[in-house]
Amino acid sequence: MKIVHSIGVQIPQVYLPRAGTDLGKWAVIACDQFTSQPEYWQQVAQMVGDAPSTLNLIFPEVYLEEPGADVRIQSIQAAMRKYLDEGLLVPHEGMVYVERTVDGKRRKGLVLALDLECYDYSKGSQSLIRATEGTIVERLPPRMRIRQGAPLESPHILVLIDDPKHTVIGPLTQNKDKLKPLYDFDLMAGSGHLTGCLVDDPALEDGVIGALEELAQPRTFASKYGVDNKQSVLLFAMGDGNHSLATAKAIWEKIKPQVGMDHPARYALVEIENVHDSGLEFEPIHRVLFGLKKDIFAEMKAYYSDAHFTYTPSKDRAAMLTTVNHSFGGSQVIGVVNAQGYGVARVAMPSFNLPVGTLQAFLDGFMKAGGAERIDYVHGEEVLCGLGAQPGNIGFYLPGMHKSDLFKTVILDGALPRKTFSMGEAHEKRFYMECRKIV
């Protein structure tokens, strides 16, 4: 396995199911999706049945708070060992070029391993691999219990590069016909089509590494973002799976004094994507509060002050969406849906640059004070409006951010508020496919 320490990259050995495996049942969506829709995961379990599946290798977060977590974790790790022992998983040396087609969009990516020594998720980090939004360290322990002692990892992590000239992944797209096909199949539940090809041609591999090295050159970085050439380079920015990568980092820091620096857990398998890919869209992540216990509008007025907060009912959903999506400058506008209908909250003179930061600062305190039973972060207006309109709930609709703003914002301002953006809606998220040994 080739390691390029200067850019924190390892050319991995990946494991894929042997020929004859039903890949439509093998691949399942990221564990942190559909967390308020247990019926989705019930349908997945019914579709998979007894077939080999990554469903048996992950812990869907919809079940994290239910009893029996320790038994489920033991079952996950036993399934990993079983798949390895039975020869279900076959090793392949090299990176994997990936194409995902869904809803008429084609997104390109490259599966490789990143060096966790080059990653720091703490606030104010200047590492080569960097979190784009705040990491909640309290969320790591249950995820660490799943990874610690596991013989395999199978990632849903998507990491972004800022490559406007498409120098890293573009040549692989152009030479796709020369690559060895690994898989080509339809994903379950209307989530599109997935293809993967092995990148084991030395010239193409060297081209990828050379292009990443050029993006990581301090002079290139300084010129692109208009910063001092002493500014620390940001090459890889977290897209999806921030807490999964943070979990891998936390485990690595815990075990490295005992296992040494050459251990496979030093690396984490990810898919990198170019933020300039035409098939990649940033979607906002909305908020739903369940089981309200306090008058949330009175609490918001007290938090933001009478002078700076107003709430206005909207005629219908379309009117609310239009107001939020076409509001620029001045007050920040946030959509609202509850059992009484739709409306718009306005906050004047906000303390944060983005409405998501303005709202989240309030919600953190509101939830800590017992204002609602729980909060969830959801994708898509249909899910938001369906859940928010239920009695006792409330949903907040947030505008999105433009993907071209991500790198410069993180470089100049630091990590964004958590759950600021999503790379596509829930059904467009990464499916578990490749595995890698981590013991």
Protein backbone atom coordinates (compact mmCIF):
# COMPACT_ATOMS: atom_id res chain seq x y z
CA MET A 1 0.00 0.00 0.00
CA LYS A 2 1.47 3.30 -1.16
CA ILE A 3 1.53 6.19 1.32
CA VAL A 4 2.09 9.83 0.37
CA HIS A 5 2.68 11.57 3.68
CA SER A 6 2.92 15.08 2.19
CA ILE A 7 -0.77 15.05 1.29
CA GLY A 8 -2.00 12.55 3.92
CA VAL A 9 -3.08 9.90 1.41
CA GLN A 10 -2.81 6.12 1.41
CA ILE A 11 -3.57 4.02 -1.69
CA PRO A 12 -5.70 1.42 0.10
CA GLN A 13 -6.50 -2.25 -0.13
CA VAL A 14 -10.27 -2.35 -0.36
CA TYR A 15 -12.56 -5.33 0.13
CA LEU A 16 -15.67 -5.94 -1.98
CA PRO A 17 -18.18 -8.80 -2.03
CA ARG A 18 -17.25 -11.76 -4.22
CA ALA A 19 -18.92 -12.36 -7.58
CA GLY A 20 -22.51 -13.51 -7.32
CA THR A 21 -23.39 -11.38 -4.29
CA ASP A 22 -26.61 -9.38 -4.67
CA LEU A 23 -25.13 -5.87 -4.50
CA GLY A 24 -28.57 -4.30 -4.43
CA LYS A 25 -28.95 -5.86 -0.97
CA TRP A 26 -25.30 -5.46 0.01
CA ALA A 27 -25.21 -1.65 -0.22
CA VAL A 28 -27.31 0.38 2.23
CA ILE A 29 -27.47 4.10 2.87
CA ALA A 30 -25.48 6.05 5.48
CA CYS A 31 -26.46 5.17 9.06
CA ASP A 32 -27.21 8.80 9.98
CA GLN A 33 -30.08 9.17 7.49
CA PHE A 34 -33.84 8.82 8.07
CA THR A 35 -33.33 9.09 11.83
CA SER A 36 -36.95 10.12 12.38
CA GLN A 37 -38.31 7.58 9.91
CA PRO A 38 -37.84 4.09 11.40
CA GLU A 39 -40.15 2.74 8.70
CA TYR A 40 -37.37 3.35 6.15
CA TRP A 41 -34.97 1.10 8.05
CA GLN A 42 -37.68 -1.49 8.60
CA GLN A 43 -38.19 -1.62 4.83
CA VAL A 44 -34.43 -1.96 4.30
CA ALA A 45 -34.31 -4.91 6.70
CA GLN A 46 -37.20 -6.56 4.84
CA MET A 47 -35.48 -6.04 1.47
CA VAL A 48 -32.17 -7.44 2.74
CA GLY A 49 -33.57 -10.46 4.57
CA ASP A 50 -30.80 -13.00 5.21
CA ALA A 51 -28.59 -11.84 2.32
CA PRO A 52 -25.05 -10.55 2.94
CA SER A 53 -25.36 -6.81 3.54
CA THR A 54 -23.61 -3.81 5.01
CA LEU A 55 -26.81 -3.42 7.04
CA ASN A 56 -25.23 -6.05 9.30
CA LEU A 57 -22.02 -3.99 9.57
CA ILE A 58 -23.51 -0.66 10.67
CA PHE A 59 -25.60 0.80 13.49
CA PRO A 60 -28.47 2.87 12.05
CA GLU A 61 -28.69 5.93 14.27
CA VAL A 62 -32.47 5.67 14.45
CA TYR A 63 -31.80 2.85 16.96
CA LEU A 64 -29.00 4.50 18.97
CA GLU A 65 -31.23 5.42 21.89
CA GLU A 66 -33.02 2.07 22.06
CA PRO A 67 -32.13 -0.71 24.54
CA GLY A 68 -29.77 -3.46 23.44
CA ALA A 69 -27.00 -1.33 21.95
CA ASP A 70 -24.24 -3.58 23.33
CA VAL A 71 -25.83 -6.67 21.80
CA ARG A 72 -26.19 -4.91 18.44
CA ILE A 73 -22.52 -3.84 18.49
CA GLN A 74 -21.42 -7.40 19.26
CA SER A 75 -23.56 -8.62 16.38
CA ILE A 76 -22.02 -6.04 14.02
CA GLN A 77 -18.48 -7.06 14.85
CA ALA A 78 -19.37 -10.77 14.63
CA ALA A 79 -20.82 -10.20 11.14
CA MET A 80 -17.57 -8.50 10.07
CA ARG A 81 -15.52 -11.47 11.23
CA LYS A 82 -17.93 -13.92 9.60
CA TYR A 83 -17.75 -12.18 6.23
CA LEU A 84 -13.95 -12.21 6.38
CA ASP A 85 -13.67 -15.80 7.59
CA GLU A 86 -16.08 -17.11 4.94
CA GLY A 87 -14.24 -15.39 2.10
CA LEU A 88 -17.23 -13.22 1.20
CA LEU A 89 -14.96 -10.17 0.91
CA VAL A 90 -12.28 -10.08 -1.79
CA PRO A 91 -9.29 -7.67 -1.62
CA HIS A 92 -8.42 -5.19 -4.39
CA GLU A 93 -5.29 -3.02 -4.39
CA GLY A 94 -5.88 0.55 -5.47
CA MET A 95 -8.20 3.52 -5.38
CA VAL A 96 -11.77 3.19 -6.65
CA TYR A 97 -13.29 5.63 -9.15
CA VAL A 98 -17.00 5.99 -8.35
CA GLU A 99 -19.95 7.36 -10.27
CA ARG A 100 -23.33 7.86 -8.60
CA THR A 101 -26.34 8.70 -10.76
CA VAL A 102 -29.51 9.82 -8.99
CA ASP A 103 -32.38 12.16 -9.93
CA GLY A 104 -30.76 12.89 -13.28
CA LYS A 105 -27.44 13.99 -11.75
CA ARG A 106 -24.10 12.18 -12.07
CA ARG A 107 -21.57 12.69 -9.28
CA LYS A 108 -17.98 11.49 -9.53
CA GLY A 109 -15.73 10.46 -6.65
CA LEU A 110 -12.57 8.63 -5.68
CA VAL A 111 -12.25 6.19 -2.78
CA LEU A 112 -8.91 6.34 -0.96
CA ALA A 113 -7.62 6.42 2.63
CA LEU A 114 -6.69 9.57 4.55
CA ASP A 115 -4.03 9.86 7.23
CA LEU A 116 -5.66 10.72 10.56
CA GLU A 117 -2.37 12.29 11.66
CA CYS A 118 -3.23 15.08 9.19
CA TYR A 119 -6.70 15.65 10.65
CA ASP A 120 -7.75 17.70 13.66
CA TYR A 121 -11.45 18.32 14.33
CA SER A 122 -10.89 20.75 17.23
CA LYS A 123 -12.09 24.33 16.95
CA GLY A 124 -9.63 26.58 15.15
CA SER A 125 -7.78 23.67 13.56
CA GLN A 126 -5.34 24.46 10.76
CA SER A 127 -4.80 20.84 9.68
CA LEU A 128 -4.53 19.61 6.09
CA ILE A 129 -7.78 17.66 6.58
CA ARG A 130 -10.30 19.85 8.35
CA ALA A 131 -13.84 19.76 9.72
CA THR A 132 -16.16 22.23 8.00
CA GLU A 133 -18.59 22.44 10.89
CA GLY A 134 -18.50 22.01 14.62
CA THR A 135 -17.85 18.54 16.02
CA ILE A 136 -19.93 17.57 19.05
CA VAL A 137 -17.51 15.51 21.12
CA GLU A 138 -20.39 14.17 23.23
CA ARG A 139 -21.60 12.31 20.13
CA LEU A 140 -18.37 10.34 19.75
CA PRO A 141 -18.44 7.76 22.61
CA PRO A 142 -21.28 5.57 21.26
CA ARG A 143 -19.68 5.64 17.82
CA MET A 144 -16.30 4.78 19.33
CA ARG A 145 -17.82 1.68 20.95
CA ILE A 146 -18.86 0.48 17.49
CA ARG A 147 -15.46 1.07 15.84
CA GLN A 148 -13.23 -0.05 18.71
CA GLY A 149 -12.45 -3.72 18.23
CA ALA A 150 -14.10 -3.84 14.79
CA PRO A 151 -11.98 -5.63 12.16
CA LEU A 152 -13.47 -3.62 9.28
CA GLU A 153 -14.59 -0.15 8.36
CA SER A 154 -17.09 0.67 5.64
CA PRO A 155 -17.40 4.43 5.17
CA HIS A 156 -20.17 6.81 4.30
CA ILE A 157 -17.67 9.68 4.63
CA LEU A 158 -17.52 12.19 1.76
CA VAL A 159 -14.58 14.60 1.74
CA LEU A 160 -14.35 17.60 -0.59
CA ILE A 161 -11.49 19.03 -2.63
CA ASP A 162 -11.52 22.47 -4.29
CA ASP A 163 -10.35 21.66 -7.81
CA PRO A 164 -11.89 24.12 -10.31
CA LYS A 165 -9.84 22.73 -13.22
CA HIS A 166 -10.87 19.11 -12.44
CA THR A 167 -7.25 17.94 -12.38
CA VAL A 168 -7.67 15.16 -9.79
CA ILE A 169 -10.79 13.19 -10.75
CA GLY A 170 -11.33 14.55 -14.27
CA PRO A 171 -8.64 12.36 -15.95
CA LEU A 172 -10.23 9.25 -14.41
CA THR A 173 -13.59 10.19 -15.93
CA GLN A 174 -11.92 10.65 -19.29
CA ASN A 175 -10.18 7.26 -19.02
CA LYS A 176 -13.04 5.33 -17.44
CA ASP A 177 -13.12 2.82 -20.30
CA LYS A 178 -9.53 1.83 -19.46
CA LEU A 179 -10.31 1.05 -15.81
CA LYS A 180 -11.25 -2.37 -14.47
CA PRO A 181 -14.99 -2.50 -13.58
CA LEU A 182 -15.69 -3.54 -9.98
CA TYR A 183 -19.45 -3.03 -9.66
CA ASP A 184 -22.36 -1.60 -11.63
CA PHE A 185 -25.88 -1.87 -10.15
CA ASP A 186 -29.05 -0.10 -9.03
CA LEU A 187 -29.27 1.01 -5.42
CA MET A 188 -32.31 0.17 -3.30
CA ALA A 189 -35.27 2.43 -2.53
CA GLY A 190 -35.01 4.65 -5.59
CA SER A 191 -31.55 5.93 -4.71
CA GLY A 192 -30.12 5.71 -8.22
CA HIS A 193 -27.25 3.78 -9.78
CA LEU A 194 -23.70 3.12 -8.61
CA THR A 195 -20.62 2.13 -10.60
CA GLY A 196 -17.06 1.64 -9.42
CA CYS A 197 -13.77 0.98 -11.24
CA LEU A 198 -10.35 0.06 -9.89
CA VAL A 199 -7.63 2.67 -10.36
CA ASP A 200 -4.52 0.50 -10.51
CA ASP A 201 -2.85 1.94 -13.60
CA PRO A 202 0.45 3.49 -12.36
CA ALA A 203 0.20 6.49 -14.71
CA LEU A 204 -3.35 7.37 -13.66
CA GLU A 205 -2.49 6.81 -10.00
CA ASP A 206 0.54 9.09 -10.29
CA GLY A 207 -1.64 11.68 -12.02
CA VAL A 208 -4.06 11.74 -9.09
CA ILE A 209 -1.25 12.07 -6.56
CA GLY A 210 0.51 14.78 -8.58
CA ALA A 211 -2.69 16.82 -8.96
CA LEU A 212 -3.39 16.62 -5.21
CA GLU A 213 0.20 17.63 -4.46
CA GLU A 214 -0.21 20.67 -6.70
CA LEU A 215 -3.43 21.71 -4.93
CA ALA A 216 -1.53 21.40 -1.63
CA GLN A 217 1.32 23.68 -2.74
CA PRO A 218 1.38 26.75 -0.45
CA ARG A 219 1.80 29.09 -3.44
CA THR A 220 -1.20 27.55 -5.22
CA PHE A 221 -3.28 27.72 -2.07
CA ALA A 222 -2.32 31.33 -1.27
CA SER A 223 -3.06 32.51 -4.81
CA LYS A 224 -6.44 30.75 -4.97
CA TYR A 225 -7.79 32.19 -1.72
CA GLY A 226 -5.91 35.49 -1.53
CA VAL A 227 -4.21 34.64 1.75
CA ASP A 228 -0.66 34.89 3.04
CA ASN A 229 1.54 32.06 1.80
CA LYS A 230 2.23 31.18 5.43
CA GLN A 231 -1.44 30.28 5.92
CA SER A 232 -1.87 26.56 6.61
CA VAL A 233 -3.10 24.63 3.58
CA LEU A 234 -6.60 23.14 3.62
CA LEU A 235 -6.64 20.31 1.06
CA PHE A 236 -9.47 18.08 2.27
CA ALA A 237 -12.66 19.57 3.76
CA MET A 238 -15.31 17.42 5.38
CA GLY A 239 -18.51 17.08 3.40
CA ASP A 240 -20.55 14.26 4.99
CA GLY A 241 -19.70 11.95 7.87
CA ASN A 242 -17.89 14.49 10.06
CA HIS A 243 -18.55 12.55 13.27
CA SER A 244 -17.56 9.25 11.66
CA LEU A 245 -14.13 10.63 10.72
CA ALA A 246 -13.85 12.24 14.15
CA THR A 247 -14.61 8.83 15.70
CA ALA A 248 -11.83 7.23 13.67
CA LYS A 249 -9.47 9.99 14.81
CA ALA A 250 -10.45 9.58 18.48
CA ILE A 251 -9.88 5.82 18.32
CA TRP A 252 -6.52 6.32 16.62
CA GLU A 253 -5.32 8.78 19.26
CA LYS A 254 -6.39 6.33 21.95
CA ILE A 255 -4.58 3.27 20.57
CA LYS A 256 -1.51 4.60 18.79
CA PRO A 257 0.78 4.56 21.88
CA GLN A 258 0.18 0.80 22.06
CA VAL A 259 0.09 -0.16 18.35
CA GLY A 260 2.68 2.15 16.77
CA MET A 261 2.50 4.52 13.80
CA ASP A 262 2.26 1.85 11.08
CA HIS A 263 -1.07 0.42 12.24
CA PRO A 264 -3.94 0.39 9.68
CA ALA A 265 -6.21 2.30 12.10
CA ARG A 266 -4.04 5.35 11.41
CA TYR A 267 -5.97 5.71 8.16
CA ALA A 268 -9.66 6.03 7.32
CA LEU A 269 -11.35 5.06 4.08
CA VAL A 270 -13.29 7.92 2.47
CA GLU A 271 -14.64 9.05 -0.87
CA ILE A 272 -13.32 12.38 -2.09
CA GLU A 273 -15.40 14.56 -4.40
CA ASN A 274 -14.72 17.84 -6.16
CA VAL A 275 -16.83 20.71 -4.87
CA HIS A 276 -17.01 21.90 -8.50
CA ASP A 277 -18.59 18.65 -9.74
CA SER A 278 -21.71 19.63 -11.69
CA GLY A 279 -23.60 16.70 -10.14
CA LEU A 280 -22.96 17.86 -6.58
CA GLU A 281 -25.51 20.12 -4.95
CA PHE A 282 -25.59 21.56 -1.46
CA GLU A 283 -28.91 21.27 0.30
CA PRO A 284 -29.88 22.94 3.59
CA ILE A 285 -30.46 20.82 6.68
CA HIS A 286 -33.67 21.72 8.46
CA ARG A 287 -34.62 21.33 12.12
CA VAL A 288 -37.61 19.60 13.72
CA LEU A 289 -38.42 19.81 17.42
CA PHE A 290 -40.59 17.05 18.88
CA GLY A 291 -42.78 17.34 21.96
CA LEU A 292 -42.61 21.08 22.66
CA LYS A 293 -42.86 21.90 26.36
CA LYS A 294 -42.50 25.69 26.21
CA ASP A 295 -43.92 28.55 24.14
CA ILE A 296 -41.14 28.63 21.58
CA PHE A 297 -42.11 31.98 20.03
CA ALA A 298 -42.05 33.66 23.44
CA GLU A 299 -38.66 32.07 24.10
CA MET A 300 -37.32 33.25 20.74
CA LYS A 301 -38.57 36.78 21.37
CA ALA A 302 -36.87 36.79 24.76
CA TYR A 303 -33.62 35.38 23.32
CA TYR A 304 -33.35 37.70 20.30
CA SER A 305 -35.20 40.62 22.01
CA ASP A 306 -38.55 42.19 21.15
CA ALA A 307 -36.88 44.72 18.89
CA HIS A 308 -35.06 42.15 16.79
CA PHE A 309 -37.50 39.23 16.47
CA THR A 310 -40.79 39.04 14.58
CA TYR A 311 -42.98 36.16 13.46
CA THR A 312 -45.44 36.52 10.58
CA PRO A 313 -47.87 33.78 9.45
CA SER A 314 -47.70 32.82 5.75
CA LYS A 315 -50.67 32.09 3.50
CA ASP A 316 -49.35 28.62 2.67
CA ARG A 317 -46.20 26.55 2.19
CA ALA A 318 -45.38 28.10 -1.17
CA ALA A 319 -45.52 31.61 0.29
CA MET A 320 -43.22 30.63 3.15
CA LEU A 321 -40.71 28.99 0.81
CA THR A 322 -40.70 31.96 -1.55
CA THR A 323 -40.05 34.40 1.29
CA VAL A 324 -37.16 32.38 2.72
CA ASN A 325 -35.53 31.43 -0.58
CA HIS A 326 -35.61 34.97 -1.98
CA SER A 327 -34.48 36.90 1.07
CA PHE A 328 -31.09 38.61 0.78
CA GLY A 329 -29.35 41.03 3.12
CA GLY A 330 -30.74 42.78 6.18
CA SER A 331 -32.69 40.57 8.56
CA GLN A 332 -32.24 36.83 8.47
CA VAL A 333 -35.34 34.85 7.53
CA ILE A 334 -36.25 31.35 8.74
CA GLY A 335 -39.32 29.38 7.69
CA VAL A 336 -41.62 27.82 10.28
CA VAL A 337 -44.15 24.97 10.05
CA ASN A 338 -46.35 23.68 12.87
CA ALA A 339 -49.86 22.40 13.41
CA GLN A 340 -51.22 25.92 12.94
CA GLY A 341 -49.70 26.31 9.47
CA TYR A 342 -46.73 28.12 7.96
CA GLY A 343 -44.90 31.30 8.83
CA VAL A 344 -41.66 33.25 8.73
CA ALA A 345 -39.41 34.27 11.62
CA ARG A 346 -37.18 37.30 11.10
CA VAL A 347 -34.11 38.15 13.18
CA ALA A 348 -32.65 41.63 12.80
CA MET A 349 -29.00 42.41 13.61
CA PRO A 350 -28.04 38.72 13.95
CA SER A 351 -24.83 37.66 15.67
CA PHE A 352 -24.03 35.00 13.04
CA ASN A 353 -23.36 35.31 9.32
CA LEU A 354 -25.74 32.50 8.37
CA PRO A 355 -29.36 31.94 9.49
CA VAL A 356 -28.45 28.39 10.53
CA GLY A 357 -25.98 29.76 13.08
CA THR A 358 -28.49 32.29 14.36
CA LEU A 359 -31.15 29.61 14.85
CA GLN A 360 -28.85 26.91 16.23
CA ALA A 361 -27.49 29.19 18.95
CA PHE A 362 -31.05 29.63 20.22
CA LEU A 363 -32.00 25.96 19.84
CA ASP A 364 -28.97 24.76 21.81
CA GLY A 365 -30.07 26.73 24.86
CA PHE A 366 -33.75 25.97 24.33
CA MET A 367 -33.12 22.21 24.24
CA LYS A 368 -30.73 22.33 27.19
CA ALA A 369 -33.45 24.06 29.20
CA GLY A 370 -35.94 21.28 28.38
CA GLY A 371 -37.93 23.22 25.81
CA ALA A 372 -38.72 20.09 23.79
CA GLU A 373 -38.33 16.34 24.08
CA ARG A 374 -35.84 16.05 21.23
CA ILE A 375 -34.50 17.66 18.06
CA ASP A 376 -33.71 16.13 14.69
CA TYR A 377 -31.96 17.37 11.57
CA VAL A 378 -33.80 16.47 8.37
CA HIS A 379 -33.41 16.77 4.61
CA GLY A 380 -36.06 17.97 2.20
CA GLU A 381 -39.10 20.15 2.64
CA GLU A 382 -41.57 17.25 2.40
CA VAL A 383 -40.10 15.48 5.43
CA LEU A 384 -39.76 18.77 7.32
CA CYS A 385 -43.36 19.83 6.67
CA GLY A 386 -44.75 16.36 7.39
CA LEU A 387 -43.03 16.12 10.77
CA GLY A 388 -43.30 19.80 11.73
CA ALA A 389 -47.06 19.90 11.18
CA GLN A 390 -47.74 17.12 13.69
CA PRO A 391 -49.30 18.34 16.96
CA GLY A 392 -46.68 19.26 19.55
CA ASN A 393 -43.91 19.62 16.97
CA ILE A 394 -42.38 22.53 15.08
CA GLY A 395 -40.17 22.59 12.01
CA PHE A 396 -37.69 25.26 10.90
CA TYR A 397 -36.93 25.65 7.19
CA LEU A 398 -33.48 27.08 6.44
CA PRO A 399 -32.00 28.53 3.25
CA GLY A 400 -28.98 26.83 1.72
CA MET A 401 -25.42 28.06 1.23
CA HIS A 402 -23.61 28.05 -2.12
CA LYS A 403 -21.04 25.28 -2.40
CA SER A 404 -18.43 27.61 -3.92
CA ASP A 405 -18.34 29.54 -0.63
CA LEU A 406 -17.34 26.55 1.50
CA PHE A 407 -13.55 26.44 1.35
CA LYS A 408 -12.92 30.17 1.63
CA THR A 409 -15.43 30.50 4.47
CA VAL A 410 -13.77 27.70 6.46
CA ILE A 411 -10.28 29.08 5.74
CA LEU A 412 -11.14 32.64 6.80
CA ASP A 413 -13.86 32.12 9.42
CA GLY A 414 -13.28 28.60 10.75
CA ALA A 415 -15.82 25.81 11.07
CA LEU A 416 -19.44 26.53 10.19
CA PRO A 417 -22.31 25.92 12.61
CA ARG A 418 -23.07 22.21 12.76
CA LYS A 419 -25.55 20.79 10.30
CA THR A 420 -25.18 23.80 8.00
CA PHE A 421 -25.36 21.99 4.68
CA SER A 422 -25.93 18.59 3.16
CA MET A 423 -24.45 17.13 0.00
CA GLY A 424 -27.79 16.28 -1.54
CA GLU A 425 -30.98 15.07 0.10
CA ALA A 426 -31.28 11.95 2.25
CA HIS A 427 -31.74 9.40 -0.56
CA GLU A 428 -28.69 10.84 -2.36
CA LYS A 429 -26.30 10.11 0.51
CA ARG A 430 -23.41 7.71 0.17
CA PHE A 431 -24.16 4.00 0.34
CA TYR A 432 -21.80 1.63 2.13
CA MET A 433 -19.95 -0.41 -0.48
CA GLU A 434 -16.19 -0.80 0.03
CA CYS A 435 -14.61 -2.15 3.22
CA ARG A 436 -11.09 -1.92 4.60
CA LYS A 437 -9.32 -3.84 7.37
CA ILE A 438 -8.47 -1.70 10.40
CA VAL A 439 -6.80 -4.32 12.64
